[in-house]
């Protein structure tokens, strides 16, 4: 499944991208996610867009936030082994 990224990254205060409406953890984990997980994420995007339409970009996706999300995902992966 193709990524819903629209190359307009900007995270709100809750770490949701205001371009594609995915959470930073969903963005970072996309490459390793199963097709079922990707479909689950995509099924939520239209409602998130509706809910967030009045929000504005409050930050640019930063390397630090990316690394924090990678660490959280690695912890989950490690605990499931």
C-alpha atoms as a PDB file:
ATOM      1  CA  UNK A   1       0.000   0.000   0.000  1.00  0.00           C
ATOM      2  CA  UNK A   2       1.322   3.416  -0.932  1.00  0.00           C
ATOM      3  CA  UNK A   3       2.082   5.904   1.815  1.00  0.00           C
ATOM      4  CA  UNK A   4      -0.526   8.649   2.267  1.00  0.00           C
ATOM      5  CA  UNK A   5       2.290  11.199   2.644  1.00  0.00           C
ATOM      6  CA  UNK A   6       1.648  14.404   0.704  1.00  0.00           C
ATOM      7  CA  UNK A   7       5.068  15.939   1.486  1.00  0.00           C
ATOM      8  CA  UNK A   8       3.573  18.767   3.560  1.00  0.00           C
ATOM      9  CA  UNK A   9       4.808  17.625   6.955  1.00  0.00           C
ATOM     10  CA  UNK A  10       3.982  19.705   9.977  1.00  0.00           C
ATOM     11  CA  UNK A  11       3.134  18.266  13.362  1.00  0.00           C
ATOM     12  CA  UNK A  12       0.482  19.702  15.612  1.00  0.00           C
ATOM     13  CA  UNK A  13       0.868  19.734  19.385  1.00  0.00           C
ATOM     14  CA  UNK A  14      -0.423  16.136  19.558  1.00  0.00           C
ATOM     15  CA  UNK A  15       2.218  14.898  17.063  1.00  0.00           C
ATOM     16  CA  UNK A  16      -0.214  14.431  14.165  1.00  0.00           C
ATOM     17  CA  UNK A  17       0.974  15.495  10.725  1.00  0.00           C
ATOM     18  CA  UNK A  18      -1.251  18.202   9.305  1.00  0.00           C
ATOM     19  CA  UNK A  19      -0.419  17.051   5.774  1.00  0.00           C
ATOM     20  CA  UNK A  20      -1.374  13.355   5.884  1.00  0.00           C
ATOM     21  CA  UNK A  21      -3.077  13.234   9.329  1.00  0.00           C
ATOM     22  CA  UNK A  22      -0.967  10.338  10.587  1.00  0.00           C
ATOM     23  CA  UNK A  23       0.588  10.280  14.054  1.00  0.00           C
ATOM     24  CA  UNK A  24       4.386  10.474  14.123  1.00  0.00           C
ATOM     25  CA  UNK A  25       4.518   6.841  15.311  1.00  0.00           C
ATOM     26  CA  UNK A  26       2.429   5.794  12.299  1.00  0.00           C
ATOM     27  CA  UNK A  27       4.706   7.734   9.957  1.00  0.00           C
ATOM     28  CA  UNK A  28       7.930   6.294  11.368  1.00  0.00           C
ATOM     29  CA  UNK A  29       6.519   2.755  11.523  1.00  0.00           C
ATOM     30  CA  UNK A  30       4.951   2.799   8.043  1.00  0.00           C
ATOM     31  CA  UNK A  31       7.805   0.958   6.328  1.00  0.00           C
ATOM     32  CA  UNK A  32       7.613  -1.998   8.717  1.00  0.00           C
ATOM     33  CA  UNK A  33       3.826  -2.045   9.086  1.00  0.00           C
ATOM     34  CA  UNK A  34       1.795  -4.934   7.712  1.00  0.00           C
ATOM     35  CA  UNK A  35      -0.723  -4.277   4.954  1.00  0.00           C
ATOM     36  CA  UNK A  36      -3.494  -4.769   7.525  1.00  0.00           C
ATOM     37  CA  UNK A  37      -1.944  -2.147   9.817  1.00  0.00           C
ATOM     38  CA  UNK A  38      -1.523   0.271   6.905  1.00  0.00           C
ATOM     39  CA  UNK A  39      -5.175  -0.211   5.965  1.00  0.00           C
ATOM     40  CA  UNK A  40      -6.175   0.402   9.587  1.00  0.00           C
ATOM     41  CA  UNK A  41      -4.194   3.647   9.659  1.00  0.00           C
ATOM     42  CA  UNK A  42      -5.623   4.818   6.329  1.00  0.00           C
ATOM     43  CA  UNK A  43      -9.171   4.089   7.481  1.00  0.00           C
ATOM     44  CA  UNK A  44      -8.778   6.725  10.207  1.00  0.00           C
ATOM     45  CA  UNK A  45      -7.350   9.528   8.072  1.00  0.00           C
ATOM     46  CA  UNK A  46     -10.516  11.060   6.627  1.00  0.00           C
ATOM     47  CA  UNK A  47     -12.091  11.445  10.082  1.00  0.00           C
ATOM     48  CA  UNK A  48      -8.879  12.901  11.469  1.00  0.00           C
ATOM     49  CA  UNK A  49      -8.806  15.390   8.610  1.00  0.00           C
ATOM     50  CA  UNK A  50     -12.365  16.445   9.423  1.00  0.00           C
ATOM     51  CA  UNK A  51     -11.514  16.749  13.112  1.00  0.00           C
ATOM     52  CA  UNK A  52      -8.308  18.710  12.520  1.00  0.00           C
ATOM     53  CA  UNK A  53      -9.336  20.924   9.621  1.00  0.00           C
ATOM     54  CA  UNK A  54      -9.433  24.001  11.867  1.00  0.00           C
ATOM     55  CA  UNK A  55      -5.981  23.318  13.310  1.00  0.00           C
ATOM     56  CA  UNK A  56      -2.853  24.852  11.864  1.00  0.00           C
ATOM     57  CA  UNK A  57       0.666  23.544  11.472  1.00  0.00           C
ATOM     58  CA  UNK A  58       2.439  24.311  14.689  1.00  0.00           C
ATOM     59  CA  UNK A  59       5.778  22.633  14.002  1.00  0.00           C
ATOM     60  CA  UNK A  60       7.855  21.067  11.298  1.00  0.00           C
ATOM     61  CA  UNK A  61       8.600  17.388  11.619  1.00  0.00           C
ATOM     62  CA  UNK A  62      11.916  17.472  13.424  1.00  0.00           C
ATOM     63  CA  UNK A  63      14.705  14.931  13.562  1.00  0.00           C
ATOM     64  CA  UNK A  64      14.348  14.812  17.358  1.00  0.00           C
ATOM     65  CA  UNK A  65      10.650  13.880  17.148  1.00  0.00           C
ATOM     66  CA  UNK A  66      11.469  11.272  14.517  1.00  0.00           C
ATOM     67  CA  UNK A  67      14.120   9.683  16.759  1.00  0.00           C
ATOM     68  CA  UNK A  68      11.752   9.702  19.755  1.00  0.00           C
ATOM     69  CA  UNK A  69       9.123   7.888  17.699  1.00  0.00           C
ATOM     70  CA  UNK A  70      11.675   5.358  16.425  1.00  0.00           C
ATOM     71  CA  UNK A  71      12.677   4.606  20.029  1.00  0.00           C
ATOM     72  CA  UNK A  72       9.035   4.095  21.077  1.00  0.00           C
ATOM     73  CA  UNK A  73       8.409   1.744  18.161  1.00  0.00           C
ATOM     74  CA  UNK A  74      11.614  -0.190  18.876  1.00  0.00           C
ATOM     75  CA  UNK A  75      10.510  -0.676  22.479  1.00  0.00           C
ATOM     76  CA  UNK A  76       7.186  -2.119  21.308  1.00  0.00           C
ATOM     77  CA  UNK A  77       8.950  -4.363  18.777  1.00  0.00           C
ATOM     78  CA  UNK A  78      11.425  -5.571  21.415  1.00  0.00           C
ATOM     79  CA  UNK A  79       8.693  -6.360  23.945  1.00  0.00           C
ATOM     80  CA  UNK A  80       6.760  -8.475  21.441  1.00  0.00           C
ATOM     81  CA  UNK A  81       9.723 -10.794  20.799  1.00  0.00           C
END
